[in-house]
Amino acid sequence: TQKTYTYTIDLKLDKIAELKPEVEEKKYLSEAEFEIYDKPSTIRDRKVIATITTDDLGQALYSSLGAGTYYLKETKSPEGYNKLREEIVIEVTATCDEFGTITWSVEDKTANGLIHAQIGEKEETSIPEVKLQVENTEGFKLPVTGGIGTIIFAIIGISIMTTAVICLKKK
């Protein structure tokens, strides 16, 4: 009898607002949604492994991530923020030494500077996990239009046009 062991690691994703020099504290973003894909032989063969959504603390967790290349696609961004244009690509590797000790590593293959991946340990246990921090840029804000000024100008304009029509009728 042969036994096959499959070793997995957790993925902990933190969704934060873009880090700026003038802001010292991180702002965690909820309701971001990601789909996780594995590396397919062709794009057509791609299948969603899981869909994860960030909670009120801006965190999402996926268990059972094995060694391999994974693609994360943001399908829904938090309100007021832009969705990531490109996919996040991470490569997770596991090496086993002669004593059976497994060493995990992760490499971020995304080149946009908003993704930070590292191997860390869960706070409550010493089990390793992939910690992925994803920054989000704020969306484009349109100027505020309307308000009380529009109503006042409309009333004045209608009054002037009414006066002009009355003057033309009298002539």
N, C-alpha and C. Protein backbone atom coordinates (compact mmCIF):
# COMPACT_ATOMS: atom_id res chain seq x y z
N THR A 1 0.83 -1.18 0.00
CA THR A 1 0.00 0.00 0.00
C THR A 1 0.87 1.24 0.00
N GLN A 2 0.55 2.16 -0.87
CA GLN A 2 1.26 3.43 -0.91
C GLN A 2 0.35 4.53 -0.42
N LYS A 3 0.91 5.45 0.33
CA LYS A 3 0.16 6.61 0.81
C LYS A 3 0.65 7.84 0.09
N THR A 4 -0.28 8.65 -0.33
CA THR A 4 0.06 9.91 -0.96
C THR A 4 -0.42 11.03 -0.04
N TYR A 5 0.48 11.94 0.27
CA TYR A 5 0.13 13.07 1.12
C TYR A 5 0.05 14.32 0.26
N THR A 6 -0.98 15.08 0.47
CA THR A 6 -1.13 16.35 -0.22
C THR A 6 -1.05 17.45 0.83
N TYR A 7 -0.06 18.30 0.68
CA TYR A 7 0.13 19.38 1.64
C TYR A 7 -0.47 20.66 1.08
N THR A 8 -1.19 21.35 1.92
CA THR A 8 -1.83 22.59 1.50
C THR A 8 -1.51 23.70 2.48
N ILE A 9 -1.80 24.90 2.03
CA ILE A 9 -1.54 26.10 2.81
C ILE A 9 -2.75 27.02 2.63
N ASP A 10 -3.00 27.89 3.58
CA ASP A 10 -4.12 28.84 3.49
C ASP A 10 -3.68 30.11 2.76
N LEU A 11 -4.64 30.74 2.12
CA LEU A 11 -4.43 32.04 1.49
C LEU A 11 -5.23 33.06 2.27
N LYS A 12 -4.55 34.05 2.84
CA LYS A 12 -5.23 35.12 3.57
C LYS A 12 -5.03 36.40 2.76
N LEU A 13 -6.13 36.96 2.27
CA LEU A 13 -6.09 38.15 1.43
C LEU A 13 -6.58 39.34 2.24
N ASP A 14 -5.78 40.40 2.28
CA ASP A 14 -6.16 41.67 2.91
C ASP A 14 -6.37 42.70 1.81
N LYS A 15 -7.55 43.30 1.77
CA LYS A 15 -7.88 44.33 0.78
C LYS A 15 -7.81 45.68 1.47
N ILE A 16 -6.90 46.55 1.01
CA ILE A 16 -6.71 47.85 1.65
C ILE A 16 -6.78 48.97 0.62
N ALA A 17 -7.04 50.19 1.10
CA ALA A 17 -7.00 51.36 0.24
C ALA A 17 -5.53 51.64 -0.10
N GLU A 18 -5.30 52.27 -1.22
CA GLU A 18 -3.94 52.57 -1.67
C GLU A 18 -3.16 53.30 -0.58
N LEU A 19 -1.95 52.82 -0.31
CA LEU A 19 -1.10 53.44 0.71
C LEU A 19 -0.51 54.73 0.17
N LYS A 20 -0.75 55.82 0.89
CA LYS A 20 -0.24 57.13 0.48
C LYS A 20 0.63 57.67 1.60
N PRO A 21 1.65 58.49 1.26
CA PRO A 21 2.56 59.00 2.29
C PRO A 21 1.87 59.81 3.39
N GLU A 22 0.80 60.54 3.03
CA GLU A 22 0.14 61.39 4.03
C GLU A 22 -0.80 60.60 4.95
N VAL A 23 -1.10 59.34 4.60
CA VAL A 23 -1.98 58.52 5.43
C VAL A 23 -1.14 57.47 6.15
N GLU A 24 -1.18 57.50 7.47
CA GLU A 24 -0.35 56.57 8.24
C GLU A 24 -1.04 55.24 8.50
N GLU A 25 -2.36 55.25 8.61
CA GLU A 25 -3.11 54.05 8.98
C GLU A 25 -3.71 53.39 7.75
N LYS A 26 -3.68 52.05 7.72
CA LYS A 26 -4.29 51.31 6.62
C LYS A 26 -5.80 51.35 6.74
N LYS A 27 -6.47 51.48 5.60
CA LYS A 27 -7.93 51.44 5.57
C LYS A 27 -8.32 50.13 4.88
N TYR A 28 -8.97 49.25 5.64
CA TYR A 28 -9.37 47.96 5.11
C TYR A 28 -10.71 48.08 4.39
N LEU A 29 -10.83 47.40 3.25
CA LEU A 29 -12.01 47.51 2.39
C LEU A 29 -12.80 46.21 2.36
N SER A 30 -14.10 46.32 2.58
CA SER A 30 -14.96 45.13 2.57
C SER A 30 -15.68 45.02 1.23
N GLU A 31 -16.28 43.86 1.03
CA GLU A 31 -17.12 43.56 -0.13
C GLU A 31 -16.38 43.52 -1.46
N ALA A 32 -15.09 43.23 -1.42
CA ALA A 32 -14.35 42.97 -2.66
C ALA A 32 -14.48 41.48 -2.95
N GLU A 33 -14.65 41.12 -4.21
CA GLU A 33 -14.86 39.73 -4.56
C GLU A 33 -13.79 39.28 -5.56
N PHE A 34 -13.23 38.11 -5.31
CA PHE A 34 -12.18 37.55 -6.16
C PHE A 34 -12.53 36.14 -6.57
N GLU A 35 -12.16 35.79 -7.80
CA GLU A 35 -12.25 34.41 -8.26
C GLU A 35 -10.83 33.88 -8.34
N ILE A 36 -10.63 32.63 -7.89
CA ILE A 36 -9.31 32.00 -7.91
C ILE A 36 -9.32 30.92 -8.98
N TYR A 37 -8.32 30.97 -9.87
CA TYR A 37 -8.15 29.99 -10.93
C TYR A 37 -6.80 29.31 -10.75
N ASP A 38 -6.68 28.06 -11.22
CA ASP A 38 -5.37 27.44 -11.25
C ASP A 38 -4.78 27.64 -12.64
N LYS A 39 -3.56 27.19 -12.82
CA LYS A 39 -2.91 27.40 -14.11
C LYS A 39 -3.43 26.36 -15.11
N PRO A 40 -4.18 26.80 -16.10
CA PRO A 40 -4.73 25.86 -17.08
C PRO A 40 -3.73 25.59 -18.21
N SER A 41 -3.99 24.50 -18.91
CA SER A 41 -3.14 24.23 -20.09
C SER A 41 -3.48 25.22 -21.20
N THR A 42 -4.74 25.61 -21.29
CA THR A 42 -5.16 26.66 -22.22
C THR A 42 -6.16 27.56 -21.49
N ILE A 43 -6.34 28.77 -21.97
CA ILE A 43 -7.26 29.72 -21.33
C ILE A 43 -8.69 29.17 -21.32
N ARG A 44 -9.07 28.45 -22.37
CA ARG A 44 -10.42 27.88 -22.44
C ARG A 44 -10.68 26.87 -21.33
N ASP A 45 -9.64 26.17 -20.90
CA ASP A 45 -9.80 25.12 -19.88
C ASP A 45 -9.86 25.67 -18.46
N ARG A 46 -9.80 26.97 -18.33
CA ARG A 46 -9.78 27.59 -17.00
C ARG A 46 -11.05 27.30 -16.23
N LYS A 47 -10.87 26.92 -14.97
CA LYS A 47 -12.02 26.69 -14.11
C LYS A 47 -11.82 27.44 -12.81
N VAL A 48 -12.91 27.98 -12.29
CA VAL A 48 -12.84 28.69 -11.02
C VAL A 48 -12.70 27.67 -9.90
N ILE A 49 -11.64 27.83 -9.09
CA ILE A 49 -11.45 26.97 -7.93
C ILE A 49 -12.35 27.44 -6.80
N ALA A 50 -12.40 28.75 -6.60
CA ALA A 50 -13.19 29.31 -5.50
C ALA A 50 -13.48 30.78 -5.77
N THR A 51 -14.51 31.27 -5.10
CA THR A 51 -14.83 32.70 -5.08
C THR A 51 -14.78 33.13 -3.63
N ILE A 52 -14.00 34.18 -3.36
CA ILE A 52 -13.88 34.67 -1.98
C ILE A 52 -14.28 36.14 -1.93
N THR A 53 -14.85 36.55 -0.79
CA THR A 53 -15.31 37.92 -0.60
C THR A 53 -14.74 38.45 0.70
N THR A 54 -14.25 39.68 0.69
CA THR A 54 -13.68 40.25 1.91
C THR A 54 -14.79 40.61 2.89
N ASP A 55 -14.51 40.41 4.17
CA ASP A 55 -15.48 40.69 5.22
C ASP A 55 -15.35 42.15 5.67
N ASP A 56 -15.99 42.49 6.79
CA ASP A 56 -15.96 43.86 7.30
C ASP A 56 -14.56 44.32 7.70
N LEU A 57 -13.66 43.37 7.95
CA LEU A 57 -12.28 43.70 8.30
C LEU A 57 -11.38 43.75 7.08
N GLY A 58 -11.96 43.59 5.89
CA GLY A 58 -11.19 43.64 4.65
C GLY A 58 -10.38 42.39 4.40
N GLN A 59 -10.79 41.26 4.99
CA GLN A 59 -10.03 40.02 4.86
C GLN A 59 -10.88 38.92 4.23
N ALA A 60 -10.21 38.08 3.46
CA ALA A 60 -10.83 36.89 2.88
C ALA A 60 -9.86 35.74 3.07
N LEU A 61 -10.39 34.55 3.28
CA LEU A 61 -9.55 33.39 3.55
C LEU A 61 -9.96 32.25 2.64
N TYR A 62 -8.95 31.58 2.08
CA TYR A 62 -9.20 30.37 1.30
C TYR A 62 -8.25 29.30 1.82
N SER A 63 -8.79 28.16 2.17
CA SER A 63 -7.98 27.04 2.65
C SER A 63 -7.71 26.08 1.50
N SER A 64 -6.75 25.22 1.68
CA SER A 64 -6.44 24.14 0.73
C SER A 64 -5.78 24.62 -0.55
N LEU A 65 -4.85 25.53 -0.44
CA LEU A 65 -4.08 25.98 -1.59
C LEU A 65 -2.81 25.13 -1.64
N GLY A 66 -2.63 24.39 -2.71
CA GLY A 66 -1.43 23.57 -2.86
C GLY A 66 -0.35 24.31 -3.60
N ALA A 67 0.76 23.65 -3.83
CA ALA A 67 1.84 24.26 -4.60
C ALA A 67 1.37 24.41 -6.05
N GLY A 68 1.72 25.53 -6.68
CA GLY A 68 1.33 25.76 -8.06
C GLY A 68 1.18 27.24 -8.36
N THR A 69 0.77 27.53 -9.58
CA THR A 69 0.54 28.91 -10.01
C THR A 69 -0.95 29.19 -9.96
N TYR A 70 -1.30 30.32 -9.38
CA TYR A 70 -2.70 30.69 -9.22
C TYR A 70 -2.96 32.10 -9.75
N TYR A 71 -4.16 32.28 -10.27
CA TYR A 71 -4.59 33.56 -10.81
C TYR A 71 -5.79 34.02 -9.98
N LEU A 72 -5.75 35.26 -9.51
CA LEU A 72 -6.87 35.85 -8.78
C LEU A 72 -7.39 37.01 -9.60
N LYS A 73 -8.66 36.99 -9.88
CA LYS A 73 -9.28 38.05 -10.67
C LYS A 73 -10.33 38.74 -9.80
N GLU A 74 -10.20 40.07 -9.68
CA GLU A 74 -11.18 40.82 -8.91
C GLU A 74 -12.43 41.00 -9.76
N THR A 75 -13.54 40.43 -9.29
CA THR A 75 -14.79 40.51 -10.05
C THR A 75 -15.70 41.62 -9.53
N LYS A 76 -15.47 42.06 -8.30
CA LYS A 76 -16.27 43.15 -7.74
C LYS A 76 -15.37 43.95 -6.81
N SER A 77 -15.35 45.27 -7.00
CA SER A 77 -14.52 46.11 -6.15
C SER A 77 -15.40 46.81 -5.11
N PRO A 78 -14.80 47.25 -4.01
CA PRO A 78 -15.57 48.00 -3.01
C PRO A 78 -16.11 49.30 -3.62
N GLU A 79 -17.22 49.77 -3.09
CA GLU A 79 -17.84 50.98 -3.61
C GLU A 79 -16.89 52.17 -3.49
N GLY A 80 -16.74 52.91 -4.60
CA GLY A 80 -15.86 54.08 -4.63
C GLY A 80 -14.43 53.75 -5.02
N TYR A 81 -14.14 52.50 -5.35
CA TYR A 81 -12.78 52.09 -5.72
C TYR A 81 -12.79 51.41 -7.08
N ASN A 82 -11.64 51.49 -7.76
CA ASN A 82 -11.50 50.87 -9.08
C ASN A 82 -11.21 49.38 -8.93
N LYS A 83 -11.75 48.61 -9.85
CA LYS A 83 -11.46 47.18 -9.91
C LYS A 83 -10.06 47.02 -10.52
N LEU A 84 -9.31 46.02 -10.06
CA LEU A 84 -7.99 45.77 -10.63
C LEU A 84 -8.14 45.40 -12.10
N ARG A 85 -7.32 45.98 -12.95
CA ARG A 85 -7.43 45.72 -14.39
C ARG A 85 -6.80 44.38 -14.77
N GLU A 86 -5.73 44.04 -14.10
CA GLU A 86 -5.07 42.79 -14.45
C GLU A 86 -5.22 41.78 -13.32
N GLU A 87 -5.01 40.55 -13.67
CA GLU A 87 -5.12 39.49 -12.67
C GLU A 87 -3.89 39.46 -11.77
N ILE A 88 -4.08 38.96 -10.58
CA ILE A 88 -2.97 38.75 -9.65
C ILE A 88 -2.45 37.34 -9.94
N VAL A 89 -1.16 37.23 -10.14
CA VAL A 89 -0.56 35.94 -10.42
C VAL A 89 0.46 35.64 -9.32
N ILE A 90 0.22 34.53 -8.60
CA ILE A 90 1.18 34.13 -7.57
C ILE A 90 1.60 32.69 -7.82
N GLU A 91 2.85 32.41 -7.49
CA GLU A 91 3.37 31.05 -7.62
C GLU A 91 3.76 30.57 -6.23
N VAL A 92 3.11 29.52 -5.78
CA VAL A 92 3.37 28.94 -4.46
C VAL A 92 4.19 27.68 -4.66
N THR A 93 5.30 27.58 -3.95
CA THR A 93 6.14 26.39 -4.03
C THR A 93 6.34 25.79 -2.65
N ALA A 94 6.47 24.49 -2.63
CA ALA A 94 6.73 23.76 -1.39
C ALA A 94 7.91 22.84 -1.62
N THR A 95 8.89 22.89 -0.74
CA THR A 95 10.03 21.99 -0.83
C THR A 95 10.12 21.18 0.46
N CYS A 96 10.50 19.94 0.33
CA CYS A 96 10.58 19.04 1.48
C CYS A 96 12.03 18.59 1.63
N ASP A 97 12.58 18.72 2.82
CA ASP A 97 13.95 18.26 3.04
C ASP A 97 13.96 16.79 3.47
N GLU A 98 15.15 16.24 3.74
CA GLU A 98 15.27 14.82 4.07
C GLU A 98 14.63 14.45 5.40
N PHE A 99 14.32 15.44 6.23
CA PHE A 99 13.68 15.18 7.52
C PHE A 99 12.16 15.31 7.45
N GLY A 100 11.62 15.62 6.28
CA GLY A 100 10.19 15.75 6.12
C GLY A 100 9.65 17.14 6.43
N THR A 101 10.57 18.10 6.62
CA THR A 101 10.14 19.46 6.90
C THR A 101 9.79 20.16 5.59
N ILE A 102 8.61 20.74 5.55
CA ILE A 102 8.16 21.43 4.33
C ILE A 102 8.41 22.92 4.48
N THR A 103 9.02 23.50 3.46
CA THR A 103 9.25 24.94 3.42
C THR A 103 8.44 25.52 2.28
N TRP A 104 7.60 26.50 2.61
CA TRP A 104 6.74 27.13 1.62
C TRP A 104 7.35 28.46 1.18
N SER A 105 7.13 28.82 -0.08
CA SER A 105 7.53 30.14 -0.56
C SER A 105 6.49 30.61 -1.57
N VAL A 106 6.42 31.93 -1.75
CA VAL A 106 5.47 32.50 -2.70
C VAL A 106 6.16 33.60 -3.48
N GLU A 107 5.86 33.67 -4.76
CA GLU A 107 6.41 34.73 -5.61
C GLU A 107 5.26 35.44 -6.30
N ASP A 108 5.26 36.77 -6.19
CA ASP A 108 4.25 37.59 -6.83
C ASP A 108 4.71 37.86 -8.25
N LYS A 109 3.94 37.40 -9.24
CA LYS A 109 4.30 37.58 -10.64
C LYS A 109 3.59 38.78 -11.26
N THR A 110 2.84 39.52 -10.45
CA THR A 110 2.12 40.70 -10.93
C THR A 110 3.05 41.90 -10.87
N ALA A 111 3.02 42.75 -11.89
CA ALA A 111 4.00 43.83 -11.98
C ALA A 111 3.40 45.22 -11.76
N ASN A 112 2.27 45.32 -11.03
CA ASN A 112 1.66 46.65 -10.91
C ASN A 112 2.02 47.36 -9.61
N GLY A 113 2.71 46.72 -8.68
CA GLY A 113 3.15 47.37 -7.45
C GLY A 113 2.08 47.51 -6.38
N LEU A 114 0.87 47.04 -6.65
CA LEU A 114 -0.21 47.14 -5.67
C LEU A 114 -0.43 45.83 -4.91
N ILE A 115 0.34 44.81 -5.26
CA ILE A 115 0.19 43.49 -4.65
C ILE A 115 1.45 43.18 -3.86
N HIS A 116 1.26 42.66 -2.65
CA HIS A 116 2.39 42.28 -1.81
C HIS A 116 2.12 40.89 -1.25
N ALA A 117 2.93 39.90 -1.64
CA ALA A 117 2.73 38.52 -1.20
C ALA A 117 3.92 38.07 -0.37
N GLN A 118 3.62 37.32 0.68
CA GLN A 118 4.68 36.76 1.52
C GLN A 118 4.13 35.55 2.27
N ILE A 119 5.03 34.74 2.79
CA ILE A 119 4.64 33.62 3.63
C ILE A 119 4.74 34.10 5.07
N GLY A 120 3.68 33.86 5.82
CA GLY A 120 3.67 34.23 7.24
C GLY A 120 3.06 33.09 8.02
N GLU A 121 2.86 33.30 9.29
CA GLU A 121 2.23 32.29 10.12
C GLU A 121 0.90 32.80 10.64
N LYS A 122 -0.05 31.90 10.78
CA LYS A 122 -1.34 32.27 11.37
C LYS A 122 -1.08 32.73 12.79
N GLU A 123 -1.84 33.71 13.22
CA GLU A 123 -1.63 34.27 14.56
C GLU A 123 -1.95 33.26 15.66
N GLU A 124 -2.99 32.43 15.47
CA GLU A 124 -3.39 31.52 16.52
C GLU A 124 -2.61 30.20 16.53
N THR A 125 -1.96 29.88 15.41
CA THR A 125 -1.14 28.65 15.33
C THR A 125 0.16 29.00 14.64
N SER A 126 1.02 28.03 14.54
CA SER A 126 2.30 28.26 13.84
C SER A 126 2.26 27.70 12.43
N ILE A 127 1.06 27.46 11.91
CA ILE A 127 0.91 26.94 10.55
C ILE A 127 1.15 28.07 9.56
N PRO A 128 1.97 27.83 8.54
CA PRO A 128 2.23 28.90 7.56
C PRO A 128 1.02 29.18 6.68
N GLU A 129 0.98 30.41 6.15
CA GLU A 129 -0.07 30.81 5.22
C GLU A 129 0.50 31.84 4.26
N VAL A 130 -0.12 31.90 3.08
CA VAL A 130 0.24 32.93 2.10
C VAL A 130 -0.53 34.18 2.49
N LYS A 131 0.20 35.26 2.78
CA LYS A 131 -0.44 36.53 3.10
C LYS A 131 -0.35 37.41 1.86
N LEU A 132 -1.50 37.80 1.36
CA LEU A 132 -1.57 38.59 0.14
C LEU A 132 -2.26 39.90 0.47
N GLN A 133 -1.54 41.00 0.28
CA GLN A 133 -2.10 42.33 0.54
C GLN A 133 -2.34 43.01 -0.80
N VAL A 134 -3.60 43.38 -1.05
CA VAL A 134 -3.99 43.96 -2.33
C VAL A 134 -4.45 45.39 -2.09
N GLU A 135 -3.79 46.35 -2.74
CA GLU A 135 -4.18 47.76 -2.62
C GLU A 135 -5.19 48.11 -3.72
N ASN A 136 -6.10 49.00 -3.38
CA ASN A 136 -7.11 49.48 -4.34
C ASN A 136 -7.00 50.98 -4.48
N THR A 137 -7.05 51.47 -5.70
CA THR A 137 -7.03 52.91 -5.93
C THR A 137 -8.45 53.43 -5.94
N GLU A 138 -8.62 54.68 -5.50
CA GLU A 138 -9.95 55.28 -5.47
C GLU A 138 -10.44 55.53 -6.89
N GLY A 139 -11.75 55.43 -7.04
CA GLY A 139 -12.37 55.64 -8.34
C GLY A 139 -12.41 57.11 -8.71
N PHE A 140 -12.73 57.37 -9.95
CA PHE A 140 -12.84 58.73 -10.48
C PHE A 140 -14.07 59.39 -9.87
N LYS A 141 -13.92 60.57 -9.32
CA LYS A 141 -15.03 61.29 -8.72
C LYS A 141 -15.47 62.42 -9.63
N LEU A 142 -16.77 62.46 -9.93
CA LEU A 142 -17.33 63.53 -10.74
C LEU A 142 -17.63 64.74 -9.85
N PRO A 143 -17.55 65.96 -10.40
CA PRO A 143 -17.88 67.13 -9.59
C PRO A 143 -19.36 67.14 -9.24
N VAL A 144 -19.68 67.71 -8.10
CA VAL A 144 -21.07 67.80 -7.67
C VAL A 144 -21.77 68.85 -8.51
N THR A 145 -22.90 68.49 -9.07
CA THR A 145 -23.69 69.43 -9.87
C THR A 145 -25.07 69.54 -9.27
N GLY A 146 -25.81 70.54 -9.70
CA GLY A 146 -27.18 70.71 -9.19
C GLY A 146 -27.17 71.54 -7.91
N GLY A 147 -28.09 71.24 -7.03
CA GLY A 147 -28.20 71.98 -5.79
C GLY A 147 -29.17 73.13 -5.92
N ILE A 148 -29.22 73.99 -4.93
CA ILE A 148 -30.19 75.09 -4.86
C ILE A 148 -29.92 76.15 -5.94
N GLY A 149 -28.67 76.32 -6.35
CA GLY A 149 -28.34 77.33 -7.36
C GLY A 149 -29.02 77.06 -8.69
N THR A 150 -29.17 75.81 -9.06
CA THR A 150 -29.81 75.47 -10.32
C THR A 150 -31.28 75.88 -10.31
N ILE A 151 -31.95 75.66 -9.21
CA ILE A 151 -33.37 76.01 -9.10
C ILE A 151 -33.56 77.53 -9.20
N ILE A 152 -32.73 78.28 -8.52
CA ILE A 152 -32.82 79.75 -8.55
C ILE A 152 -32.62 80.28 -9.96
N PHE A 153 -31.57 79.78 -10.66
CA PHE A 153 -31.32 80.23 -12.02
C PHE A 153 -32.45 79.83 -12.97
N ALA A 154 -33.05 78.67 -12.76
CA ALA A 154 -34.18 78.24 -13.60
C ALA A 154 -35.38 79.17 -13.41
N ILE A 155 -35.68 79.52 -12.15
CA ILE A 155 -36.81 80.42 -11.87
C ILE A 155 -36.57 81.80 -12.48
N ILE A 156 -35.38 82.33 -12.33
CA ILE A 156 -35.03 83.64 -12.91
C ILE A 156 -35.14 83.59 -14.43
N GLY A 157 -34.64 82.53 -15.05
CA GLY A 157 -34.69 82.38 -16.51
C GLY A 157 -36.11 82.30 -17.02
N ILE A 158 -36.95 81.53 -16.35
CA ILE A 158 -38.36 81.41 -16.75
C ILE A 158 -39.07 82.75 -16.60
N SER A 159 -38.77 83.48 -15.53
CA SER A 159 -39.37 84.81 -15.31
C SER A 159 -38.99 85.76 -16.43
N ILE A 160 -37.76 85.79 -16.83
CA ILE A 160 -37.29 86.67 -17.91
C ILE A 160 -37.96 86.30 -19.23
N MET A 161 -38.06 84.98 -19.52
CA MET A 161 -38.70 84.56 -20.77
C MET A 161 -40.19 84.90 -20.75
N THR A 162 -40.87 84.74 -19.62
CA THR A 162 -42.30 85.08 -19.51
C THR A 162 -42.50 86.57 -19.73
N THR A 163 -41.65 87.39 -19.12
CA THR A 163 -41.72 88.84 -19.30
C THR A 163 -41.51 89.21 -20.76
N ALA A 164 -40.55 88.58 -21.42
CA ALA A 164 -40.28 88.87 -22.83
C ALA A 164 -41.48 88.50 -23.71
N VAL A 165 -42.12 87.36 -23.43
CA VAL A 165 -43.29 86.93 -24.21
C VAL A 165 -44.45 87.91 -24.00
N ILE A 166 -44.69 88.35 -22.78
CA ILE A 166 -45.76 89.32 -22.48
C ILE A 166 -45.50 90.64 -23.20
N CYS A 167 -44.25 91.11 -23.19
CA CYS A 167 -43.90 92.37 -23.87
C CYS A 167 -44.11 92.25 -25.38
N LEU A 168 -43.77 91.12 -25.98
CA LEU A 168 -43.97 90.92 -27.41
C LEU A 168 -45.46 90.86 -27.77
N LYS A 169 -46.27 90.26 -26.94
CA LYS A 169 -47.72 90.17 -27.19
C LYS A 169 -48.37 91.54 -27.12
N LYS A 170 -47.92 92.41 -26.19
CA LYS A 170 -48.49 93.75 -26.05
C LYS A 170 -48.18 94.61 -27.26
N LYS A 171 -47.03 94.42 -27.90
CA LYS A 171 -46.65 95.22 -29.07
C LYS A 171 -47.47 94.74 -30.22
